[in-house]
Amino acid sequence: MRAVHTLGMRFPIDVAYCDDEVVVLRIVTLRPHRLDRPVRHARMVVEAEAGAFERWQLRVGDRLEVAGAGT
C-alpha cells in the first residue's frame, strides 16, 4: 500500500507507512477528506486515531512487531 486517503471520514488519523520488514518509513496525520502522496517502498500501513503515534512515541526507523491475539 503506497498511499492512503481519508475521503468520507469525519475524523483525522495517524498513518505509518512501513516497508516489507515493517520498518516505519513515514508518519503523517491525515485530516478528513484528504489524499496523501504515495510513499516509495511502502508495502503496508498502520492506522490509528490521531495523536496515538505521539503517545506511543512511534518514530521513523522504528521496527514494528505484529503479535497475534493467541488462541
PDB file of N, CA and C in Angstrom:
ATOM      1  N   MET A   1       0.865  -1.171   0.000  1.00  0.00           N
ATOM      2  CA  MET A   1       0.000   0.000   0.000  1.00  0.00           C
ATOM      3  C   MET A   1       0.905   1.226   0.000  1.00  0.00           C
ATOM      4  N   ARG A   2       0.758   2.041  -1.007  1.00  0.00           N
ATOM      5  CA  ARG A   2       1.660   3.179  -1.148  1.00  0.00           C
ATOM      6  C   ARG A   2       1.018   4.514  -0.812  1.00  0.00           C
ATOM      7  N   ALA A   3      -0.321   4.589  -0.761  1.00  0.00           N
ATOM      8  CA  ALA A   3      -0.993   5.855  -0.456  1.00  0.00           C
ATOM      9  C   ALA A   3      -2.267   5.573   0.326  1.00  0.00           C
ATOM     10  N   VAL A   4      -2.687   6.553   1.110  1.00  0.00           N
ATOM     11  CA  VAL A   4      -3.874   6.425   1.968  1.00  0.00           C
ATOM     12  C   VAL A   4      -4.731   7.660   1.768  1.00  0.00           C
ATOM     13  N   HIS A   5      -6.036   7.486   1.924  1.00  0.00           N
ATOM     14  CA  HIS A   5      -6.937   8.637   1.854  1.00  0.00           C
ATOM     15  C   HIS A   5      -7.894   8.607   3.033  1.00  0.00           C
ATOM     16  N   THR A   6      -8.469   9.761   3.330  1.00  0.00           N
ATOM     17  CA  THR A   6      -9.487   9.863   4.372  1.00  0.00           C
ATOM     18  C   THR A   6     -10.774  10.437   3.779  1.00  0.00           C
ATOM     19  N   LEU A   7     -10.987  10.166   2.504  1.00  0.00           N
ATOM     20  CA  LEU A   7     -12.207  10.630   1.849  1.00  0.00           C
ATOM     21  C   LEU A   7     -13.419   9.993   2.504  1.00  0.00           C
ATOM     22  N   GLY A   8     -14.385  10.805   2.879  1.00  0.00           N
ATOM     23  CA  GLY A   8     -15.590  10.307   3.534  1.00  0.00           C
ATOM     24  C   GLY A   8     -15.454  10.118   5.038  1.00  0.00           C
ATOM     25  N   MET A   9     -14.261  10.323   5.574  1.00  0.00           N
ATOM     26  CA  MET A   9     -14.077  10.165   7.025  1.00  0.00           C
ATOM     27  C   MET A   9     -14.386  11.478   7.727  1.00  0.00           C
ATOM     28  N   ARG A  10     -14.776  11.386   8.991  1.00  0.00           N
ATOM     29  CA  ARG A  10     -15.136  12.570   9.774  1.00  0.00           C
ATOM     30  C   ARG A  10     -14.101  12.941  10.824  1.00  0.00           C
ATOM     31  N   PHE A  11     -13.034  12.172  10.893  1.00  0.00           N
ATOM     32  CA  PHE A  11     -12.031  12.409  11.934  1.00  0.00           C
ATOM     33  C   PHE A  11     -10.634  12.173  11.363  1.00  0.00           C
ATOM     34  N   PRO A  12      -9.616  12.806  11.938  1.00  0.00           N
ATOM     35  CA  PRO A  12      -8.242  12.609  11.469  1.00  0.00           C
ATOM     36  C   PRO A  12      -7.672  11.286  11.964  1.00  0.00           C
ATOM     37  N   ILE A  13      -6.677  10.784  11.229  1.00  0.00           N
ATOM     38  CA  ILE A  13      -5.996   9.546  11.628  1.00  0.00           C
ATOM     39  C   ILE A  13      -4.491   9.725  11.492  1.00  0.00           C
ATOM     40  N   ASP A  14      -3.751   8.956  12.288  1.00  0.00           N
ATOM     41  CA  ASP A  14      -2.313   8.819  12.129  1.00  0.00           C
ATOM     42  C   ASP A  14      -2.068   7.654  11.188  1.00  0.00           C
ATOM     43  N   VAL A  15      -1.096   7.809  10.290  1.00  0.00           N
ATOM     44  CA  VAL A  15      -0.748   6.751   9.348  1.00  0.00           C
ATOM     45  C   VAL A  15       0.763   6.549   9.400  1.00  0.00           C
ATOM     46  N   ALA A  16       1.191   5.303   9.568  1.00  0.00           N
ATOM     47  CA  ALA A  16       2.609   4.949   9.499  1.00  0.00           C
ATOM     48  C   ALA A  16       2.791   4.038   8.291  1.00  0.00           C
ATOM     49  N   TYR A  17       3.562   4.501   7.334  1.00  0.00           N
ATOM     50  CA  TYR A  17       3.891   3.693   6.157  1.00  0.00           C
ATOM     51  C   TYR A  17       5.097   2.836   6.506  1.00  0.00           C
ATOM     52  N   CYS A  18       5.020   1.545   6.195  1.00  0.00           N
ATOM     53  CA  CYS A  18       6.087   0.608   6.548  1.00  0.00           C
ATOM     54  C   CYS A  18       6.558  -0.164   5.320  1.00  0.00           C
ATOM     55  N   ASP A  19       7.830  -0.579   5.354  1.00  0.00           N
ATOM     56  CA  ASP A  19       8.368  -1.397   4.274  1.00  0.00           C
ATOM     57  C   ASP A  19       8.072  -2.870   4.532  1.00  0.00           C
ATOM     58  N   ASP A  20       8.633  -3.751   3.711  1.00  0.00           N
ATOM     59  CA  ASP A  20       8.338  -5.171   3.862  1.00  0.00           C
ATOM     60  C   ASP A  20       8.983  -5.795   5.103  1.00  0.00           C
ATOM     61  N   GLU A  21       9.861  -5.056   5.771  1.00  0.00           N
ATOM     62  CA  GLU A  21      10.446  -5.506   7.040  1.00  0.00           C
ATOM     63  C   GLU A  21       9.707  -4.888   8.229  1.00  0.00           C
ATOM     64  N   VAL A  22       8.620  -4.190   7.966  1.00  0.00           N
ATOM     65  CA  VAL A  22       7.784  -3.495   8.944  1.00  0.00           C
ATOM     66  C   VAL A  22       8.566  -2.388   9.677  1.00  0.00           C
ATOM     67  N   VAL A  23       9.447  -1.748   8.945  1.00  0.00           N
ATOM     68  CA  VAL A  23      10.175  -0.581   9.447  1.00  0.00           C
ATOM     69  C   VAL A  23       9.396   0.655   9.000  1.00  0.00           C
ATOM     70  N   VAL A  24       9.181   1.583   9.915  1.00  0.00           N
ATOM     71  CA  VAL A  24       8.411   2.787   9.624  1.00  0.00           C
ATOM     72  C   VAL A  24       9.223   3.704   8.704  1.00  0.00           C
ATOM     73  N   LEU A  25       8.630   4.021   7.549  1.00  0.00           N
ATOM     74  CA  LEU A  25       9.269   4.882   6.559  1.00  0.00           C
ATOM     75  C   LEU A  25       8.816   6.334   6.671  1.00  0.00           C
ATOM     76  N   ARG A  26       7.544   6.519   7.004  1.00  0.00           N
ATOM     77  CA  ARG A  26       6.972   7.870   7.066  1.00  0.00           C
ATOM     78  C   ARG A  26       5.774   7.844   7.996  1.00  0.00           C
ATOM     79  N   ILE A  27       5.592   8.919   8.741  1.00  0.00           N
ATOM     80  CA  ILE A  27       4.436   9.077   9.626  1.00  0.00           C
ATOM     81  C   ILE A  27       3.748  10.380   9.260  1.00  0.00           C
ATOM     82  N   VAL A  28       2.433  10.331   9.182  1.00  0.00           N
ATOM     83  CA  VAL A  28       1.659  11.519   8.857  1.00  0.00           C
ATOM     84  C   VAL A  28       0.325  11.459   9.582  1.00  0.00           C
ATOM     85  N   THR A  29      -0.212  12.622   9.922  1.00  0.00           N
ATOM     86  CA  THR A  29      -1.579  12.718  10.427  1.00  0.00           C
ATOM     87  C   THR A  29      -2.420  13.299   9.298  1.00  0.00           C
ATOM     88  N   LEU A  30      -3.436  12.562   8.891  1.00  0.00           N
ATOM     89  CA  LEU A  30      -4.301  12.993   7.798  1.00  0.00           C
ATOM     90  C   LEU A  30      -5.619  13.511   8.342  1.00  0.00           C
ATOM     91  N   ARG A  31      -5.964  14.723   7.952  1.00  0.00           N
ATOM     92  CA  ARG A  31      -7.268  15.282   8.299  1.00  0.00           C
ATOM     93  C   ARG A  31      -8.323  14.660   7.397  1.00  0.00           C
ATOM     94  N   PRO A  32      -9.593  14.801   7.745  1.00  0.00           N
ATOM     95  CA  PRO A  32     -10.660  14.240   6.901  1.00  0.00           C
ATOM     96  C   PRO A  32     -10.625  14.806   5.478  1.00  0.00           C
ATOM     97  N   HIS A  33     -11.047  13.969   4.551  1.00  0.00           N
ATOM     98  CA  HIS A  33     -11.209  14.341   3.138  1.00  0.00           C
ATOM     99  C   HIS A  33      -9.891  14.705   2.468  1.00  0.00           C
ATOM    100  N   ARG A  34      -8.828  13.974   2.804  1.00  0.00           N
ATOM    101  CA  ARG A  34      -7.516  14.227   2.219  1.00  0.00           C
ATOM    102  C   ARG A  34      -7.000  12.966   1.524  1.00  0.00           C
ATOM    103  N   LEU A  35      -6.083  13.182   0.586  1.00  0.00           N
ATOM    104  CA  LEU A  35      -5.378  12.106  -0.103  1.00  0.00           C
ATOM    105  C   LEU A  35      -3.889  12.355   0.107  1.00  0.00           C
ATOM    106  N   ASP A  36      -3.191  11.379   0.686  1.00  0.00           N
ATOM    107  CA  ASP A  36      -1.767  11.544   0.945  1.00  0.00           C
ATOM    108  C   ASP A  36      -0.968  11.118  -0.284  1.00  0.00           C
ATOM    109  N   ARG A  37       0.243  11.616  -0.379  1.00  0.00           N
ATOM    110  CA  ARG A  37       1.108  11.257  -1.503  1.00  0.00           C
ATOM    111  C   ARG A  37       1.625   9.822  -1.329  1.00  0.00           C
ATOM    112  N   PRO A  38       1.908   9.156  -2.443  1.00  0.00           N
ATOM    113  CA  PRO A  38       2.470   7.800  -2.352  1.00  0.00           C
ATOM    114  C   PRO A  38       3.833   7.807  -1.661  1.00  0.00           C
ATOM    115  N   VAL A  39       4.151   6.709  -0.990  1.00  0.00           N
ATOM    116  CA  VAL A  39       5.431   6.568  -0.304  1.00  0.00           C
ATOM    117  C   VAL A  39       6.190   5.412  -0.952  1.00  0.00           C
ATOM    118  N   ARG A  40       7.323   5.752  -1.530  1.00  0.00           N
ATOM    119  CA  ARG A  40       8.136   4.745  -2.215  1.00  0.00           C
ATOM    120  C   ARG A  40       8.603   3.667  -1.238  1.00  0.00           C
ATOM    121  N   HIS A  41       8.548   2.446  -1.659  1.00  0.00           N
ATOM    122  CA  HIS A  41       8.959   1.264  -0.894  1.00  0.00           C
ATOM    123  C   HIS A  41       7.979   0.869   0.212  1.00  0.00           C
ATOM    124  N   ALA A  42       6.892   1.604   0.382  1.00  0.00           N
ATOM    125  CA  ALA A  42       5.894   1.220   1.392  1.00  0.00           C
ATOM    126  C   ALA A  42       5.156  -0.029   0.913  1.00  0.00           C
ATOM    127  N   ARG A  43       4.969  -0.966   1.813  1.00  0.00           N
ATOM    128  CA  ARG A  43       4.258  -2.207   1.496  1.00  0.00           C
ATOM    129  C   ARG A  43       3.025  -2.398   2.368  1.00  0.00           C
ATOM    130  N   MET A  44       2.959  -1.637   3.463  1.00  0.00           N
ATOM    131  CA  MET A  44       1.816  -1.746   4.371  1.00  0.00           C
ATOM    132  C   MET A  44       1.708  -0.461   5.168  1.00  0.00           C
ATOM    133  N   VAL A  45       0.564  -0.260   5.791  1.00  0.00           N
ATOM    134  CA  VAL A  45       0.374   0.895   6.662  1.00  0.00           C
ATOM    135  C   VAL A  45      -0.246   0.451   7.978  1.00  0.00           C
ATOM    136  N   VAL A  46      -0.012   1.256   8.990  1.00  0.00           N
ATOM    137  CA  VAL A  46      -0.684   1.112  10.274  1.00  0.00           C
ATOM    138  C   VAL A  46      -1.450   2.408  10.479  1.00  0.00           C
ATOM    139  N   GLU A  47      -2.737   2.287  10.785  1.00  0.00           N
ATOM    140  CA  GLU A  47      -3.581   3.457  11.024  1.00  0.00           C
ATOM    141  C   GLU A  47      -4.066   3.438  12.463  1.00  0.00           C
ATOM    142  N   ALA A  48      -4.152   4.629  13.053  1.00  0.00           N
ATOM    143  CA  ALA A  48      -4.635   4.755  14.430  1.00  0.00           C
ATOM    144  C   ALA A  48      -5.293   6.117  14.587  1.00  0.00           C
ATOM    145  N   GLU A  49      -5.980   6.302  15.700  1.00  0.00           N
ATOM    146  CA  GLU A  49      -6.588   7.606  15.957  1.00  0.00           C
ATOM    147  C   GLU A  49      -5.503   8.675  16.001  1.00  0.00           C
ATOM    148  N   ALA A  50      -5.825   9.864  15.536  1.00  0.00           N
ATOM    149  CA  ALA A  50      -4.860  10.957  15.520  1.00  0.00           C
ATOM    150  C   ALA A  50      -4.311  11.197  16.924  1.00  0.00           C
ATOM    151  N   GLY A  51      -3.001  11.328  17.021  1.00  0.00           N
ATOM    152  CA  GLY A  51      -2.337  11.550  18.300  1.00  0.00           C
ATOM    153  C   GLY A  51      -1.784  10.286  18.931  1.00  0.00           C
ATOM    154  N   ALA A  52      -2.208   9.133  18.456  1.00  0.00           N
ATOM    155  CA  ALA A  52      -1.773   7.867  19.055  1.00  0.00           C
ATOM    156  C   ALA A  52      -0.275   7.653  18.888  1.00  0.00           C
ATOM    157  N   PHE A  53       0.257   7.944  17.706  1.00  0.00           N
ATOM    158  CA  PHE A  53       1.680   7.690  17.475  1.00  0.00           C
ATOM    159  C   PHE A  53       2.560   8.569  18.362  1.00  0.00           C
ATOM    160  N   GLU A  54       2.130   9.777  18.617  1.00  0.00           N
ATOM    161  CA  GLU A  54       2.882  10.654  19.525  1.00  0.00           C
ATOM    162  C   GLU A  54       2.871  10.065  20.939  1.00  0.00           C
ATOM    163  N   ARG A  55       1.709   9.598  21.389  1.00  0.00           N
ATOM    164  CA  ARG A  55       1.623   8.978  22.721  1.00  0.00           C
ATOM    165  C   ARG A  55       2.476   7.718  22.796  1.00  0.00           C
ATOM    166  N   TRP A  56       2.520   6.959  21.709  1.00  0.00           N
ATOM    167  CA  TRP A  56       3.304   5.716  21.664  1.00  0.00           C
ATOM    168  C   TRP A  56       4.781   5.974  21.383  1.00  0.00           C
ATOM    169  N   GLN A  57       5.115   7.231  21.084  1.00  0.00           N
ATOM    170  CA  GLN A  57       6.473   7.630  20.731  1.00  0.00           C
ATOM    171  C   GLN A  57       7.000   6.869  19.515  1.00  0.00           C
ATOM    172  N   LEU A  58       6.109   6.632  18.555  1.00  0.00           N
ATOM    173  CA  LEU A  58       6.473   5.961  17.315  1.00  0.00           C
ATOM    174  C   LEU A  58       7.261   6.926  16.442  1.00  0.00           C
ATOM    175  N   ARG A  59       8.377   6.473  15.895  1.00  0.00           N
ATOM    176  CA  ARG A  59       9.252   7.325  15.082  1.00  0.00           C
ATOM    177  C   ARG A  59       9.634   6.620  13.784  1.00  0.00           C
ATOM    178  N   VAL A  60      10.000   7.409  12.789  1.00  0.00           N
ATOM    179  CA  VAL A  60      10.534   6.862  11.546  1.00  0.00           C
ATOM    180  C   VAL A  60      11.785   6.063  11.891  1.00  0.00           C
ATOM    181  N   GLY A  61      11.903   4.881  11.313  1.00  0.00           N
ATOM    182  CA  GLY A  61      13.031   3.995  11.595  1.00  0.00           C
ATOM    183  C   GLY A  61      12.707   2.916  12.604  1.00  0.00           C
ATOM    184  N   ASP A  62      11.626   3.078  13.373  1.00  0.00           N
ATOM    185  CA  ASP A  62      11.216   2.035  14.319  1.00  0.00           C
ATOM    186  C   ASP A  62      10.772   0.792  13.550  1.00  0.00           C
ATOM    187  N   ARG A  63      11.076  -0.365  14.104  1.00  0.00           N
ATOM    188  CA  ARG A  63      10.606  -1.633  13.529  1.00  0.00           C
ATOM    189  C   ARG A  63       9.437  -2.116  14.381  1.00  0.00           C
ATOM    190  N   LEU A  64       8.318  -2.384  13.720  1.00  0.00           N
ATOM    191  CA  LEU A  64       7.119  -2.820  14.430  1.00  0.00           C
ATOM    192  C   LEU A  64       7.054  -4.331  14.464  1.00  0.00           C
ATOM    193  N   GLU A  65       6.387  -4.838  15.468  1.00  0.00           N
ATOM    194  CA  GLU A  65       6.155  -6.270  15.587  1.00  0.00           C
ATOM    195  C   GLU A  65       4.662  -6.502  15.652  1.00  0.00           C
ATOM    196  N   VAL A  66       4.196  -7.415  14.849  1.00  0.00           N
ATOM    197  CA  VAL A  66       2.781  -7.748  14.831  1.00  0.00           C
ATOM    198  C   VAL A  66       2.595  -9.023  15.635  1.00  0.00           C
ATOM    199  N   ALA A  67       1.813  -8.915  16.683  1.00  0.00           N
ATOM    200  CA  ALA A  67       1.584 -10.057  17.570  1.00  0.00           C
ATOM    201  C   ALA A  67       0.136 -10.502  17.443  1.00  0.00           C
ATOM    202  N   GLY A  68      -0.090 -11.796  17.443  1.00  0.00           N
ATOM    203  CA  GLY A  68      -1.437 -12.338  17.369  1.00  0.00           C
ATOM    204  C   GLY A  68      -2.128 -12.289  18.719  1.00  0.00           C
ATOM    205  N   ALA A  69      -3.426 -12.413  18.676  1.00  0.00           N
ATOM    206  CA  ALA A  69      -4.217 -12.391  19.910  1.00  0.00           C
ATOM    207  C   ALA A  69      -4.099 -13.708  20.670  1.00  0.00           C
ATOM    208  N   GLY A  70      -3.535 -14.706  20.040  1.00  0.00           N
ATOM    209  CA  GLY A  70      -3.410 -16.015  20.688  1.00  0.00           C
ATOM    210  C   GLY A  70      -4.693 -16.818  20.553  1.00  0.00           C
ATOM    211  N   THR A  71      -4.571 -18.090  20.761  1.00  0.00           N
ATOM    212  CA  THR A  71      -5.757 -18.954  20.684  1.00  0.00           C
ATOM    213  C   THR A  71      -5.812 -19.889  21.831  1.00  0.00           C
TER     214      THR A  71
END
